[in-house]
């Protein structure tokens, strides 16, 4: 089973779109608010070299995590195996 974590901010419309997409598709996810979690913000920048949101981390047991930067519905659907 894949675990999804979204690094977001409250004012990001693409973050909201991604979370709405996950909710509509029944995808469980953990939301990390980078506007208040400075350590997570630093961690995400270190992992992805990105300073934009959303950053979506997809983890599958035994594999390295994959990251999707921004809200790309087609790519997320493909990586999560949903329609």
Protein backbone atom coordinates (compact mmCIF):
# COMPACT_ATOMS: atom_id res chain seq x y z
CA UNK A 1 0.00 0.00 0.00
CA UNK A 2 1.30 3.44 -0.90
CA UNK A 3 1.47 6.19 1.71
CA UNK A 4 0.86 9.76 0.60
CA UNK A 5 2.09 12.89 2.33
CA UNK A 6 1.35 16.37 1.01
CA UNK A 7 3.48 19.31 2.03
CA UNK A 8 1.27 22.37 1.65
CA UNK A 9 0.37 25.85 2.83
CA UNK A 10 -3.13 27.10 3.68
CA UNK A 11 -3.14 29.77 0.96
CA UNK A 12 -2.01 27.53 -1.92
CA UNK A 13 -4.85 26.86 -4.36
CA UNK A 14 -2.99 23.93 -5.95
CA UNK A 15 -2.55 22.37 -2.52
CA UNK A 16 -6.31 22.61 -2.00
CA UNK A 17 -6.94 21.12 -5.44
CA UNK A 18 -4.63 18.19 -4.66
CA UNK A 19 -6.30 17.54 -1.30
CA UNK A 20 -9.76 17.77 -2.88
CA UNK A 21 -8.61 15.29 -5.53
CA UNK A 22 -7.36 12.88 -2.86
CA UNK A 23 -10.61 13.26 -0.90
CA UNK A 24 -12.72 12.66 -4.02
CA UNK A 25 -10.72 9.53 -4.89
CA UNK A 26 -10.61 8.19 -1.33
CA UNK A 27 -6.84 8.50 -1.04
CA UNK A 28 -5.67 8.72 2.56
CA UNK A 29 -2.91 11.25 3.07
CA UNK A 30 -1.02 13.14 5.72
CA UNK A 31 -1.02 16.92 5.37
CA UNK A 32 2.04 18.83 6.57
CA UNK A 33 1.50 22.60 6.82
CA UNK A 34 4.82 24.18 5.86
CA UNK A 35 3.67 27.61 7.01
CA UNK A 36 4.02 26.45 10.62
CA UNK A 37 6.40 23.47 10.44
CA UNK A 38 9.80 25.00 9.73
CA UNK A 39 11.68 21.71 10.21
CA UNK A 40 9.46 19.99 7.62
CA UNK A 41 9.93 22.92 5.24
CA UNK A 42 13.71 22.59 5.51
CA UNK A 43 13.45 18.80 5.06
CA UNK A 44 11.36 19.13 1.89
CA UNK A 45 13.75 21.66 0.35
CA UNK A 46 16.67 19.36 1.16
CA UNK A 47 14.93 16.30 -0.35
CA UNK A 48 13.56 17.95 -3.50
CA UNK A 49 15.50 21.20 -4.05
CA UNK A 50 12.07 22.83 -4.41
CA UNK A 51 10.64 25.81 -2.57
CA UNK A 52 7.17 25.58 -4.08
CA UNK A 53 4.07 23.71 -2.93
CA UNK A 54 2.46 21.33 -3.06
CA UNK A 55 5.13 18.68 -2.78
CA UNK A 56 3.52 15.26 -2.73
CA UNK A 57 5.52 12.35 -1.38
CA UNK A 58 4.46 8.84 -2.38
CA UNK A 59 6.03 6.00 -0.40
CA UNK A 60 5.80 2.33 -1.15
CA UNK A 61 7.35 -0.23 1.20
CA UNK A 62 10.79 -1.32 0.06
CA UNK A 63 11.18 1.53 -2.44
CA UNK A 64 12.60 5.03 -2.37
CA UNK A 65 9.93 7.73 -2.08
CA UNK A 66 8.73 9.48 -5.23
CA UNK A 67 7.90 13.18 -5.30
CA UNK A 68 5.38 15.04 -7.41
CA UNK A 69 5.90 18.79 -7.44
CA UNK A 70 2.71 20.77 -7.99
CA UNK A 71 -0.73 19.36 -8.71
CA UNK A 72 -0.56 17.05 -11.72
CA UNK A 73 -3.76 15.01 -11.64
CA UNK A 74 -2.75 12.66 -14.47
CA UNK A 75 0.65 11.90 -12.95
CA UNK A 76 -0.82 11.38 -9.48
CA UNK A 77 -3.49 9.06 -10.90
CA UNK A 78 -0.81 7.06 -12.67
CA UNK A 79 1.49 6.81 -9.66
CA UNK A 80 -1.37 5.90 -7.31
CA UNK A 81 -3.15 3.57 -9.75
CA UNK A 82 -6.47 5.45 -9.62
CA UNK A 83 -8.90 6.74 -12.23
